[in-house]
Amino acid sequence: MTNKLKINPPLFLVSTNWPCWKCDTRIPLAALLAIKVDEINGDICKLTNIIQLPDEVLAFIQSRVPSFKYSYSMTIGTKYFANTCPNCGVMQGDFYLHSEPGSPFFPMDKKEARALFMTEIPLTTPIQVEADYELGAPCEMIYTHAKRI
């Protein structure tokens, strides 16, 4: 079950290139890092299993990572915004990208976090999203060490 979250600026697009799990082509990947979420009491979080995003946020993400699409996951039996391989079309599931230590958005050390890029999404007012979220050291590490662009 996803959560309805009120996110106050800033919101960050985190990106990298990573091999597709199916065809091994290096592909662009996107994730969202939120700093001020009303429902989370000040913890930095990554949004996962995103069901709903404002159009302007989705447009910003897709202008940089066009393969970030609303896709069906057979693993969890629902649709969410996910990274897909532009070469073979296969979804790169959020669990695979966010929840496994050493995966693209679960850095284990500063060096792995420094391989990520972080761009602030231009927001002037709070937004509402429907998504799950993850907290903890990987989120803090991304926020502290990812390259700001």
C-alpha atoms as a PDB file:
ATOM      1  CA  MET A   1       0.000   0.000   0.000  1.00  0.00           C
ATOM      2  CA  THR A   2       1.396   3.367  -0.991  1.00  0.00           C
ATOM      3  CA  ASN A   3       1.235   6.564   1.038  1.00  0.00           C
ATOM      4  CA  LYS A   4      -0.138   9.973   0.122  1.00  0.00           C
ATOM      5  CA  LEU A   5       2.742  12.293   0.912  1.00  0.00           C
ATOM      6  CA  LYS A   6       3.066  16.071   1.028  1.00  0.00           C
ATOM      7  CA  ILE A   7       6.558  16.993  -0.134  1.00  0.00           C
ATOM      8  CA  ASN A   8       7.926  20.460   0.452  1.00  0.00           C
ATOM      9  CA  PRO A   9      10.796  21.790  -1.674  1.00  0.00           C
ATOM     10  CA  PRO A  10      13.510  20.785  -2.253  1.00  0.00           C
ATOM     11  CA  LEU A  11      12.959  17.543  -4.137  1.00  0.00           C
ATOM     12  CA  PHE A  12      15.919  15.978  -5.941  1.00  0.00           C
ATOM     13  CA  LEU A  13      16.295  13.828  -9.025  1.00  0.00           C
ATOM     14  CA  VAL A  14      19.059  11.285  -8.414  1.00  0.00           C
ATOM     15  CA  SER A  15      20.477   9.688 -11.539  1.00  0.00           C
ATOM     16  CA  THR A  16      23.115   7.265 -12.727  1.00  0.00           C
ATOM     17  CA  ASN A  17      23.850   4.771 -15.495  1.00  0.00           C
ATOM     18  CA  TRP A  18      23.685   1.061 -14.673  1.00  0.00           C
ATOM     19  CA  PRO A  19      23.566  -2.218 -16.605  1.00  0.00           C
ATOM     20  CA  CYS A  20      20.070  -3.517 -17.422  1.00  0.00           C
ATOM     21  CA  TRP A  21      19.524  -6.740 -15.505  1.00  0.00           C
ATOM     22  CA  LYS A  22      18.145  -8.411 -18.665  1.00  0.00           C
ATOM     23  CA  CYS A  23      20.331  -7.289 -21.615  1.00  0.00           C
ATOM     24  CA  ASP A  24      23.312  -5.734 -19.774  1.00  0.00           C
ATOM     25  CA  THR A  25      23.090  -2.460 -21.748  1.00  0.00           C
ATOM     26  CA  ARG A  26      24.117   0.540 -19.618  1.00  0.00           C
ATOM     27  CA  ILE A  27      20.963   2.591 -19.159  1.00  0.00           C
ATOM     28  CA  PRO A  28      20.001   5.851 -17.444  1.00  0.00           C
ATOM     29  CA  LEU A  29      18.217   5.474 -14.112  1.00  0.00           C
ATOM     30  CA  ALA A  30      16.232   7.950 -12.012  1.00  0.00           C
ATOM     31  CA  ALA A  31      15.187   8.105  -8.370  1.00  0.00           C
ATOM     32  CA  LEU A  32      13.646  10.802  -6.180  1.00  0.00           C
ATOM     33  CA  LEU A  33      15.085  12.011  -2.890  1.00  0.00           C
ATOM     34  CA  ALA A  34      12.856  14.100  -0.624  1.00  0.00           C
ATOM     35  CA  ILE A  35      14.178  16.183   2.255  1.00  0.00           C
ATOM     36  CA  LYS A  36      11.010  17.682   3.753  1.00  0.00           C
ATOM     37  CA  VAL A  37       8.066  15.286   3.849  1.00  0.00           C
ATOM     38  CA  ASP A  38       5.284  16.200   6.271  1.00  0.00           C
ATOM     39  CA  GLU A  39       4.482  12.588   7.150  1.00  0.00           C
ATOM     40  CA  ILE A  40       8.106  11.589   7.878  1.00  0.00           C
ATOM     41  CA  ASN A  41       9.267  14.027  10.577  1.00  0.00           C
ATOM     42  CA  GLY A  42      12.467  15.388   9.079  1.00  0.00           C
ATOM     43  CA  ASP A  43      14.147  12.238   7.723  1.00  0.00           C
ATOM     44  CA  ILE A  44      15.567  12.197   4.198  1.00  0.00           C
ATOM     45  CA  CYS A  45      13.795   9.579   2.104  1.00  0.00           C
ATOM     46  CA  LYS A  46      13.843   7.918  -1.312  1.00  0.00           C
ATOM     47  CA  LEU A  47      10.489   7.557  -3.008  1.00  0.00           C
ATOM     48  CA  THR A  48       9.722   4.079  -4.345  1.00  0.00           C
ATOM     49  CA  ASN A  49       6.740   2.426  -6.040  1.00  0.00           C
ATOM     50  CA  ILE A  50       5.523   5.857  -7.145  1.00  0.00           C
ATOM     51  CA  ILE A  51       1.885   5.701  -8.241  1.00  0.00           C
ATOM     52  CA  GLN A  52       1.169   9.403  -8.719  1.00  0.00           C
ATOM     53  CA  LEU A  53       3.395  12.410  -9.500  1.00  0.00           C
ATOM     54  CA  PRO A  54       2.510  15.962 -10.533  1.00  0.00           C
ATOM     55  CA  ASP A  55       2.831  16.450 -14.309  1.00  0.00           C
ATOM     56  CA  GLU A  56       5.581  19.072 -13.974  1.00  0.00           C
ATOM     57  CA  VAL A  57       7.724  16.736 -11.843  1.00  0.00           C
ATOM     58  CA  LEU A  58       7.245  13.843 -14.269  1.00  0.00           C
ATOM     59  CA  ALA A  59       8.100  16.124 -17.214  1.00  0.00           C
ATOM     60  CA  PHE A  60      11.319  17.221 -15.470  1.00  0.00           C
ATOM     61  CA  ILE A  61      12.339  13.599 -14.807  1.00  0.00           C
ATOM     62  CA  GLN A  62      11.488  12.413 -18.315  1.00  0.00           C
ATOM     63  CA  SER A  63      13.380  15.320 -19.905  1.00  0.00           C
ATOM     64  CA  ARG A  64      16.507  13.768 -18.376  1.00  0.00           C
ATOM     65  CA  VAL A  65      15.560  10.063 -18.179  1.00  0.00           C
ATOM     66  CA  PRO A  66      12.901   9.412 -20.881  1.00  0.00           C
ATOM     67  CA  SER A  67      12.732   5.711 -19.989  1.00  0.00           C
ATOM     68  CA  PHE A  68      11.207   6.504 -16.545  1.00  0.00           C
ATOM     69  CA  LYS A  69       7.626   5.346 -17.284  1.00  0.00           C
ATOM     70  CA  TYR A  70       4.399   4.166 -15.727  1.00  0.00           C
ATOM     71  CA  SER A  71       4.863   0.393 -16.030  1.00  0.00           C
ATOM     72  CA  TYR A  72       3.312  -2.827 -14.795  1.00  0.00           C
ATOM     73  CA  SER A  73       5.324  -4.941 -12.362  1.00  0.00           C
ATOM     74  CA  MET A  74       4.490  -8.634 -12.449  1.00  0.00           C
ATOM     75  CA  THR A  75       6.459  -9.036  -9.199  1.00  0.00           C
ATOM     76  CA  ILE A  76       4.163  -6.816  -7.130  1.00  0.00           C
ATOM     77  CA  GLY A  77       1.105  -6.991  -9.395  1.00  0.00           C
ATOM     78  CA  THR A  78       0.558  -3.269  -9.947  1.00  0.00           C
ATOM     79  CA  LYS A  79       1.693  -0.286 -12.009  1.00  0.00           C
ATOM     80  CA  TYR A  80       4.097   2.395 -10.823  1.00  0.00           C
ATOM     81  CA  PHE A  81       6.601   4.846 -12.280  1.00  0.00           C
ATOM     82  CA  ALA A  82       9.717   2.800 -12.924  1.00  0.00           C
ATOM     83  CA  ASN A  83      12.943   2.797 -14.845  1.00  0.00           C
ATOM     84  CA  THR A  84      12.790   0.747 -18.024  1.00  0.00           C
ATOM     85  CA  CYS A  85      15.524  -0.326 -20.395  1.00  0.00           C
ATOM     86  CA  PRO A  86      15.404   1.709 -23.618  1.00  0.00           C
ATOM     87  CA  ASN A  87      17.151  -1.193 -25.408  1.00  0.00           C
ATOM     88  CA  CYS A  88      15.026  -4.224 -24.447  1.00  0.00           C
ATOM     89  CA  GLY A  89      12.042  -2.525 -22.759  1.00  0.00           C
ATOM     90  CA  VAL A  90      12.280  -4.491 -19.499  1.00  0.00           C
ATOM     91  CA  MET A  91      11.329  -2.817 -16.219  1.00  0.00           C
ATOM     92  CA  GLN A  92      14.124  -2.349 -13.706  1.00  0.00           C
ATOM     93  CA  GLY A  93      12.121  -2.943 -10.522  1.00  0.00           C
ATOM     94  CA  ASP A  94      12.341  -0.593  -7.555  1.00  0.00           C
ATOM     95  CA  PHE A  95      13.269  -3.388  -5.159  1.00  0.00           C
ATOM     96  CA  TYR A  96      16.228  -4.294  -7.395  1.00  0.00           C
ATOM     97  CA  LEU A  97      17.338  -0.641  -7.693  1.00  0.00           C
ATOM     98  CA  HIS A  98      16.617   0.672  -4.177  1.00  0.00           C
ATOM     99  CA  SER A  99      16.550  -2.127  -1.610  1.00  0.00           C
ATOM    100  CA  GLU A 100      19.509  -4.382  -2.287  1.00  0.00           C
ATOM    101  CA  PRO A 101      22.793  -3.253  -0.670  1.00  0.00           C
ATOM    102  CA  GLY A 102      25.200  -2.127  -3.391  1.00  0.00           C
ATOM    103  CA  SER A 103      22.419  -1.537  -5.919  1.00  0.00           C
ATOM    104  CA  PRO A 104      22.371   1.826  -7.739  1.00  0.00           C
ATOM    105  CA  PHE A 105      20.293   3.679  -5.144  1.00  0.00           C
ATOM    106  CA  PHE A 106      21.535   1.783  -2.059  1.00  0.00           C
ATOM    107  CA  PRO A 107      25.162   2.901  -1.811  1.00  0.00           C
ATOM    108  CA  MET A 108      27.257   1.054   0.758  1.00  0.00           C
ATOM    109  CA  ASP A 109      29.967   3.702   1.065  1.00  0.00           C
ATOM    110  CA  LYS A 110      30.913   7.244   0.059  1.00  0.00           C
ATOM    111  CA  LYS A 111      32.557   6.074  -3.168  1.00  0.00           C
ATOM    112  CA  GLU A 112      29.321   4.432  -4.380  1.00  0.00           C
ATOM    113  CA  ALA A 113      27.299   7.512  -3.368  1.00  0.00           C
ATOM    114  CA  ARG A 114      29.723   9.769  -5.273  1.00  0.00           C
ATOM    115  CA  ALA A 115      28.898   7.823  -8.461  1.00  0.00           C
ATOM    116  CA  LEU A 116      25.364   9.285  -8.301  1.00  0.00           C
ATOM    117  CA  PHE A 117      24.242  12.668  -9.631  1.00  0.00           C
ATOM    118  CA  MET A 118      21.686  14.861  -7.877  1.00  0.00           C
ATOM    119  CA  THR A 119      19.702  17.699  -9.468  1.00  0.00           C
ATOM    120  CA  GLU A 120      17.128  19.840  -7.672  1.00  0.00           C
ATOM    121  CA  ILE A 121      13.712  19.688  -9.310  1.00  0.00           C
ATOM    122  CA  PRO A 122      12.382  23.254  -9.567  1.00  0.00           C
ATOM    123  CA  LEU A 123       9.441  23.492  -7.168  1.00  0.00           C
ATOM    124  CA  THR A 124       8.042  26.636  -5.598  1.00  0.00           C
ATOM    125  CA  THR A 125       5.205  25.072  -3.616  1.00  0.00           C
ATOM    126  CA  PRO A 126       4.573  21.744  -1.867  1.00  0.00           C
ATOM    127  CA  ILE A 127       3.406  18.821  -3.997  1.00  0.00           C
ATOM    128  CA  GLN A 128       1.371  15.694  -3.318  1.00  0.00           C
ATOM    129  CA  VAL A 129       2.616  12.278  -4.410  1.00  0.00           C
ATOM    130  CA  GLU A 130       1.447   8.745  -3.876  1.00  0.00           C
ATOM    131  CA  ALA A 131       4.417   6.491  -3.177  1.00  0.00           C
ATOM    132  CA  ASP A 132       6.253   4.282  -0.734  1.00  0.00           C
ATOM    133  CA  TYR A 133       9.478   5.511   0.790  1.00  0.00           C
ATOM    134  CA  GLU A 134      12.715   4.254   2.272  1.00  0.00           C
ATOM    135  CA  LEU A 135      14.711   5.908   5.048  1.00  0.00           C
ATOM    136  CA  GLY A 136      18.134   5.363   6.528  1.00  0.00           C
ATOM    137  CA  ALA A 137      21.844   5.560   5.893  1.00  0.00           C
ATOM    138  CA  PRO A 138      21.682   5.106   2.063  1.00  0.00           C
ATOM    139  CA  CYS A 139      19.424   8.173   1.782  1.00  0.00           C
ATOM    140  CA  GLU A 140      21.725  10.231   3.986  1.00  0.00           C
ATOM    141  CA  MET A 141      24.752   9.029   2.044  1.00  0.00           C
ATOM    142  CA  ILE A 142      23.188  10.000  -1.298  1.00  0.00           C
ATOM    143  CA  TYR A 143      22.208  13.437  -0.004  1.00  0.00           C
ATOM    144  CA  THR A 144      25.660  14.085   1.471  1.00  0.00           C
ATOM    145  CA  HIS A 145      27.927  12.634  -1.237  1.00  0.00           C
ATOM    146  CA  ALA A 146      26.136  12.522  -4.629  1.00  0.00           C
ATOM    147  CA  LYS A 147      27.503  14.989  -7.183  1.00  0.00           C
ATOM    148  CA  ARG A 148      25.268  18.076  -7.445  1.00  0.00           C
ATOM    149  CA  ILE A 149      24.544  19.114 -11.003  1.00  0.00           C
END
